[in-house]
Amino acid sequence: MAKAVLDFEKPIFELESKINEMRQYQGKLDIADEITKLERKVRKLKESVYGDLTRWQKVQLARHPERPFTLDYIYLMANDFIELHGDRQCKDDKSIVGGFAKIDEHKVMIIGHQKGRDTKSNVYRNFGMPNPEGYRKALRLMKLAEKFNRPVITMLDTPGAYPGLEAEQRGQAEAIARNLLEMSRLRVPIIVVIIGEGASGGALGIGVGDRILMLENCWYSVISPESCSSILWKSWDFKEQAAEALRLTAPDLLQQKIIDRIIPEPLGGAHTNHELAAKNLKAAIIEELTQLLKLKTEKLLDYRFAKFAKMGVWHE
């Protein structure tokens, strides 16, 4: 598969390609110094480009096809993962995955959206857009975690809940609303991590928790920039302006106190180094989990309710 390169990454990609080409002749020609100079230039260019990304560019990074997904993070940072299937009502929704796992000494339940890498796997995963049975599967696993007193970790990465007629017929809105209610009173710690796209109710359906963490180059909003643009300007051509207006990036949401913590990504985005991205995520989860496990259940629930009750800004 050809390497996916975003428009603003092209100058970096061209320099890296030149370096790789020069390395093929390194044993025959004395070009080590030239390669070193180019590597420094690439580093400075990356720091310049990725240090000053627009909100729309961060949306593009969050959608990068080589970005690690839920299962990638699970296999990189957890042990003894046992995937569980089905909602016991309809079928197994492949766009949400979950199961018991162990992160160091912590036994947890991990649940998350799952996309595909190519057309075939994306069709299999429904492009990361859950049906009602996906949310009901997630709730079944959360209740199982509560029964065995296991903390819940959810990973959000979806363009939205599936909007098809059959999803509505099977109760899409009810399934999401039920999850919001049940997660608000689940008697075990819940850590939510936005690892890619966090679109509307499709993300929020597994997004209520005691700590909301967000990787550096992600977005989380009530609507995507394209959909916002199509509503306000009747065209997708204004998606960049919509992204700026929505204030949907990690720094925006931290300032608004919607999320609690930003997890740094490798320079260039999580897709450039899956192992380092998983290492950073694991460290953040363990740190937050250690603090949450010190709280008694009633105090945990009180803090969770107060956290969401305080969200939002309004003027009378």
Protein backbone atom coordinates (compact mmCIF):
# COMPACT_ATOMS: atom_id res chain seq x y z
CA MET A 1 0.00 0.00 0.00
CA ALA A 2 1.34 3.46 -0.94
CA LYS A 3 2.19 5.77 1.93
CA ALA A 4 -0.63 8.21 2.66
CA VAL A 5 0.66 11.79 2.59
CA LEU A 6 -1.44 14.83 3.49
CA ASP A 7 -1.03 18.05 1.50
CA PHE A 8 0.85 19.90 4.23
CA GLU A 9 3.17 16.89 4.71
CA LYS A 10 4.41 16.81 1.10
CA PRO A 11 7.56 18.95 1.63
CA ILE A 12 8.58 16.64 4.50
CA PHE A 13 7.83 13.51 2.47
CA GLU A 14 9.91 14.78 -0.47
CA LEU A 15 12.93 15.41 1.76
CA GLU A 16 12.58 12.01 3.47
CA SER A 17 12.34 10.33 0.06
CA LYS A 18 15.53 12.08 -1.02
CA ILE A 19 17.30 10.88 2.16
CA ASN A 20 16.17 7.29 1.57
CA GLU A 21 17.39 7.48 -2.02
CA MET A 22 20.79 8.81 -0.93
CA ARG A 23 21.18 6.03 1.64
CA GLN A 24 21.20 3.49 -1.17
CA TYR A 25 24.51 4.98 -2.35
CA GLN A 26 26.01 5.58 1.10
CA GLY A 27 28.47 2.69 0.82
CA LYS A 28 29.65 3.80 -2.60
CA LEU A 29 29.80 7.59 -2.13
CA ASP A 30 30.96 9.81 0.73
CA ILE A 31 27.60 11.46 1.42
CA ALA A 32 27.17 10.83 5.16
CA ASP A 33 27.50 14.55 5.98
CA GLU A 34 24.90 15.49 3.38
CA ILE A 35 22.46 12.94 4.79
CA THR A 36 23.01 14.28 8.32
CA LYS A 37 22.32 17.84 7.12
CA LEU A 38 19.12 16.75 5.40
CA GLU A 39 17.99 14.85 8.50
CA ARG A 40 18.42 18.01 10.57
CA LYS A 41 16.49 19.94 7.96
CA VAL A 42 13.65 17.40 8.10
CA ARG A 43 13.56 17.63 11.89
CA LYS A 44 13.32 21.43 11.82
CA LEU A 45 10.70 21.31 9.08
CA LYS A 46 8.61 18.83 11.09
CA GLU A 47 8.82 21.01 14.19
CA SER A 48 7.74 24.01 12.13
CA VAL A 49 4.86 22.27 10.32
CA TYR A 50 3.44 20.17 13.16
CA GLY A 51 3.98 22.90 15.74
CA ASP A 52 1.64 25.28 13.93
CA LEU A 53 -1.19 23.14 12.57
CA THR A 54 -4.58 24.67 11.83
CA ARG A 55 -7.68 23.07 13.30
CA TRP A 56 -8.56 21.58 9.91
CA GLN A 57 -5.08 20.08 9.55
CA LYS A 58 -5.52 18.40 12.94
CA VAL A 59 -8.82 16.97 11.71
CA GLN A 60 -6.93 15.54 8.74
CA LEU A 61 -4.29 14.01 11.03
CA ALA A 62 -7.00 12.46 13.20
CA ARG A 63 -8.33 10.71 10.08
CA HIS A 64 -4.94 9.56 8.80
CA PRO A 65 -5.39 6.00 7.44
CA GLU A 66 -2.15 4.82 9.07
CA ARG A 67 -3.10 6.12 12.51
CA PRO A 68 -3.31 3.43 15.25
CA PHE A 69 -6.83 2.21 16.00
CA THR A 70 -8.30 0.67 19.15
CA LEU A 71 -7.01 -2.86 18.51
CA ASP A 72 -3.54 -1.51 17.70
CA TYR A 73 -3.38 0.23 21.07
CA ILE A 74 -4.75 -2.81 22.89
CA TYR A 75 -2.13 -5.17 21.48
CA LEU A 76 0.68 -2.64 22.06
CA MET A 77 -0.09 -1.69 25.66
CA ALA A 78 -2.14 -4.55 27.15
CA ASN A 79 -1.74 -8.26 27.83
CA ASP A 80 -4.15 -11.19 27.99
CA PHE A 81 -6.79 -9.47 25.84
CA ILE A 82 -9.92 -11.59 25.47
CA GLU A 83 -12.32 -10.11 22.92
CA LEU A 84 -16.02 -10.50 23.65
CA HIS A 85 -18.72 -10.43 20.99
CA GLY A 86 -22.40 -9.69 20.50
CA ASP A 87 -25.15 -7.73 22.23
CA ARG A 88 -27.30 -10.82 23.02
CA GLN A 89 -30.20 -9.22 21.14
CA CYS A 90 -29.35 -8.78 17.47
CA LYS A 91 -25.78 -9.51 16.31
CA ASP A 92 -22.12 -8.65 16.76
CA ASP A 93 -21.29 -5.14 15.56
CA LYS A 94 -17.72 -5.18 14.23
CA SER A 95 -17.34 -1.38 14.48
CA ILE A 96 -17.08 -1.65 18.27
CA VAL A 97 -14.60 -4.03 19.87
CA GLY A 98 -14.05 -4.84 23.51
CA GLY A 99 -12.97 -7.33 26.09
CA PHE A 100 -11.06 -8.02 29.27
CA ALA A 101 -7.36 -7.13 29.32
CA LYS A 102 -4.50 -6.43 31.67
CA ILE A 103 -2.44 -3.22 31.64
CA ASP A 104 0.54 -3.91 33.87
CA GLU A 105 -1.06 -5.06 37.13
CA HIS A 106 -4.47 -3.48 36.37
CA LYS A 107 -7.24 -5.80 35.16
CA VAL A 108 -9.59 -3.74 33.00
CA MET A 109 -12.33 -3.82 30.39
CA ILE A 110 -11.35 -2.03 27.16
CA ILE A 111 -14.01 -0.95 24.66
CA GLY A 112 -13.55 1.16 21.53
CA HIS A 113 -14.54 2.04 18.00
CA GLN A 114 -12.67 0.13 15.31
CA LYS A 115 -12.05 1.25 11.72
CA GLY A 116 -10.45 -0.65 8.85
CA ARG A 117 -7.19 -0.07 6.96
CA ASP A 118 -8.51 -0.67 3.43
CA THR A 119 -11.83 -0.89 1.60
CA LYS A 120 -12.47 -4.53 2.53
CA SER A 121 -11.73 -4.09 6.24
CA ASN A 122 -13.60 -0.77 6.35
CA VAL A 123 -16.71 -2.44 4.95
CA TYR A 124 -16.27 -5.20 7.56
CA ARG A 125 -15.98 -2.55 10.31
CA ASN A 126 -18.72 -0.35 8.77
CA PHE A 127 -16.14 2.46 8.57
CA GLY A 128 -16.15 2.72 12.37
CA MET A 129 -19.84 3.73 12.49
CA PRO A 130 -21.71 1.65 15.09
CA ASN A 131 -25.26 0.39 14.79
CA PRO A 132 -27.49 0.12 17.89
CA GLU A 133 -26.19 -3.39 18.56
CA GLY A 134 -22.68 -1.93 18.84
CA TYR A 135 -23.71 0.39 21.65
CA ARG A 136 -25.68 -2.41 23.30
CA LYS A 137 -22.63 -4.66 23.09
CA ALA A 138 -20.57 -1.91 24.71
CA LEU A 139 -23.12 -1.58 27.50
CA ARG A 140 -23.20 -5.34 28.04
CA LEU A 141 -19.42 -5.32 28.47
CA MET A 142 -19.58 -2.36 30.85
CA LYS A 143 -22.12 -4.17 33.00
CA LEU A 144 -19.88 -7.22 32.96
CA ALA A 145 -16.97 -5.04 34.11
CA GLU A 146 -19.14 -3.65 36.90
CA LYS A 147 -20.08 -7.18 38.00
CA PHE A 148 -16.42 -8.18 38.31
CA ASN A 149 -15.29 -4.77 39.61
CA ARG A 150 -13.04 -4.00 36.64
CA PRO A 151 -12.35 -0.39 35.56
CA VAL A 152 -13.57 0.51 32.07
CA ILE A 153 -11.42 2.18 29.41
CA THR A 154 -13.13 3.39 26.25
CA MET A 155 -11.42 4.60 23.07
CA LEU A 156 -13.29 6.98 20.77
CA ASP A 157 -12.60 7.04 17.03
CA THR A 158 -15.70 7.34 14.86
CA PRO A 159 -17.08 9.63 12.14
CA GLY A 160 -20.46 9.13 13.83
CA ALA A 161 -23.12 6.57 14.60
CA TYR A 162 -24.44 4.78 11.51
CA PRO A 163 -27.31 6.92 10.10
CA GLY A 164 -29.05 4.22 8.04
CA LEU A 165 -32.76 3.45 8.13
CA GLU A 166 -32.21 0.00 9.63
CA ALA A 167 -30.21 1.55 12.49
CA GLU A 168 -33.10 3.88 13.27
CA GLN A 169 -35.55 1.00 13.10
CA ARG A 170 -33.54 -0.91 15.70
CA GLY A 171 -33.40 2.08 18.05
CA GLN A 172 -30.17 3.98 17.42
CA ALA A 173 -31.11 7.02 19.51
CA GLU A 174 -32.40 4.87 22.39
CA ALA A 175 -29.23 2.77 22.44
CA ILE A 176 -26.99 5.84 22.69
CA ALA A 177 -29.24 7.50 25.28
CA ARG A 178 -29.31 4.31 27.35
CA ASN A 179 -25.51 4.22 27.37
CA LEU A 180 -25.33 7.83 28.58
CA LEU A 181 -27.63 6.99 31.47
CA GLU A 182 -25.92 3.75 32.43
CA MET A 183 -22.38 5.12 32.13
CA SER A 184 -23.28 8.04 34.37
CA ARG A 185 -24.04 5.60 37.20
CA LEU A 186 -21.68 2.69 36.48
CA ARG A 187 -20.04 1.77 39.79
CA VAL A 188 -16.48 1.35 38.51
CA PRO A 189 -13.94 3.92 37.28
CA ILE A 190 -14.29 4.93 33.62
CA ILE A 191 -11.48 6.48 31.57
CA VAL A 192 -12.41 7.81 28.13
CA VAL A 193 -9.70 8.42 25.52
CA ILE A 194 -10.26 10.18 22.20
CA ILE A 195 -7.73 8.50 19.89
CA GLY A 196 -8.94 9.84 16.52
CA GLU A 197 -12.28 11.27 15.48
CA GLY A 198 -14.89 12.04 18.11
CA ALA A 199 -18.03 12.81 16.14
CA SER A 200 -21.25 13.72 17.89
CA GLY A 201 -23.45 11.15 19.65
CA GLY A 202 -21.62 8.34 17.90
CA ALA A 203 -18.61 9.10 20.09
CA LEU A 204 -20.54 10.18 23.16
CA GLY A 205 -22.34 6.81 23.22
CA ILE A 206 -19.23 5.37 24.90
CA GLY A 207 -17.84 8.72 26.06
CA VAL A 208 -19.12 9.35 29.60
CA GLY A 209 -16.37 8.88 32.17
CA ASP A 210 -14.48 10.06 35.23
CA ARG A 211 -11.50 11.21 33.17
CA ILE A 212 -11.63 12.34 29.55
CA LEU A 213 -8.23 12.13 27.87
CA MET A 214 -7.42 13.17 24.32
CA LEU A 215 -4.49 12.49 22.06
CA GLU A 216 -2.81 15.62 20.74
CA ASN A 217 -3.97 15.49 17.11
CA CYS A 218 -7.64 14.53 17.47
CA TRP A 219 -10.99 16.25 17.26
CA TYR A 220 -14.17 15.97 19.34
CA SER A 221 -17.33 17.86 18.43
CA VAL A 222 -21.08 17.77 18.06
CA ILE A 223 -20.66 17.80 14.27
CA SER A 224 -17.91 17.33 11.69
CA PRO A 225 -16.51 20.41 9.90
CA GLU A 226 -17.89 19.18 6.55
CA SER A 227 -21.41 18.70 7.90
CA CYS A 228 -21.28 22.05 9.68
CA SER A 229 -20.16 23.71 6.45
CA SER A 230 -22.93 22.06 4.44
CA ILE A 231 -25.57 23.30 6.90
CA LEU A 232 -24.30 26.87 7.28
CA TRP A 233 -22.97 27.49 3.75
CA LYS A 234 -24.75 24.76 1.74
CA SER A 235 -21.34 23.47 0.64
CA TRP A 236 -18.35 21.52 1.99
CA ASP A 237 -16.02 24.20 0.60
CA PHE A 238 -15.99 26.09 3.92
CA LYS A 239 -14.90 23.15 6.09
CA GLU A 240 -11.72 24.97 7.18
CA GLN A 241 -13.74 27.93 8.49
CA ALA A 242 -16.17 25.54 10.16
CA ALA A 243 -13.31 23.75 11.93
CA GLU A 244 -12.04 27.08 13.28
CA ALA A 245 -15.52 28.05 14.50
CA LEU A 246 -16.19 24.68 16.15
CA ARG A 247 -13.03 24.82 18.31
CA LEU A 248 -12.79 21.05 18.27
CA THR A 249 -9.11 20.36 18.96
CA ALA A 250 -7.52 19.12 22.18
CA PRO A 251 -6.25 22.56 23.36
CA ASP A 252 -9.69 24.06 22.68
CA LEU A 253 -11.47 21.38 24.68
CA LEU A 254 -8.99 21.50 27.55
CA GLN A 255 -9.57 25.25 27.79
CA GLN A 256 -13.33 24.65 27.84
CA LYS A 257 -12.85 21.96 30.55
CA ILE A 258 -14.52 19.30 28.43
CA ILE A 259 -11.43 17.10 28.55
CA ASP A 260 -9.03 16.64 31.47
CA ARG A 261 -5.72 15.92 29.79
CA ILE A 262 -3.89 16.04 26.46
CA ILE A 263 -1.64 13.07 25.66
CA PRO A 264 1.35 14.05 23.49
CA GLU A 265 1.89 12.24 20.20
CA PRO A 266 5.17 11.50 18.40
CA LEU A 267 6.37 14.37 16.21
CA GLY A 268 4.35 14.12 13.01
CA GLY A 269 1.39 12.33 14.58
CA ALA A 270 0.58 8.96 16.13
CA HIS A 271 0.76 7.26 12.71
CA THR A 272 4.52 7.88 12.51
CA ASN A 273 5.32 5.76 15.57
CA HIS A 274 2.61 3.45 16.89
CA GLU A 275 4.81 2.10 19.68
CA LEU A 276 5.64 5.53 21.13
CA ALA A 277 2.01 6.66 20.83
CA ALA A 278 0.89 3.54 22.73
CA LYS A 279 3.61 4.06 25.35
CA ASN A 280 2.39 7.62 26.01
CA LEU A 281 -1.23 6.47 26.17
CA LYS A 282 -0.43 3.61 28.54
CA ALA A 283 1.47 5.89 30.93
CA ALA A 284 -1.43 8.36 31.04
CA ILE A 285 -4.03 5.63 31.62
CA ILE A 286 -2.04 4.03 34.45
CA GLU A 287 -1.51 7.40 36.13
CA GLU A 288 -5.20 8.33 35.96
CA LEU A 289 -6.36 4.85 36.94
CA THR A 290 -4.13 4.82 40.01
CA GLN A 291 -5.80 8.01 41.24
CA LEU A 292 -9.36 6.87 40.48
CA LEU A 293 -8.94 3.55 42.28
CA LYS A 294 -8.28 5.45 45.51
CA LEU A 295 -11.83 6.86 45.50
CA LYS A 296 -14.77 5.14 47.15
CA THR A 297 -17.64 4.29 44.81
CA GLU A 298 -20.10 6.92 46.04
CA LYS A 299 -17.47 9.65 45.87
CA LEU A 300 -16.53 8.50 42.35
CA LEU A 301 -20.15 8.77 41.20
CA ASP A 302 -20.58 12.20 42.82
CA TYR A 303 -17.48 13.51 41.06
CA ARG A 304 -18.61 12.06 37.72
CA PHE A 305 -22.02 13.71 37.95
CA ALA A 306 -20.53 17.04 39.02
CA LYS A 307 -17.99 16.91 36.19
CA PHE A 308 -20.64 16.78 33.47
CA ALA A 309 -23.05 19.10 35.28
CA LYS A 310 -20.42 21.88 35.19
CA MET A 311 -19.77 21.61 31.44
CA GLY A 312 -20.91 24.38 29.14
CA VAL A 313 -20.91 28.16 29.03
CA TRP A 314 -24.05 30.24 28.90
CA HIS A 315 -25.28 33.80 29.40
CA GLU A 316 -28.59 34.76 31.00
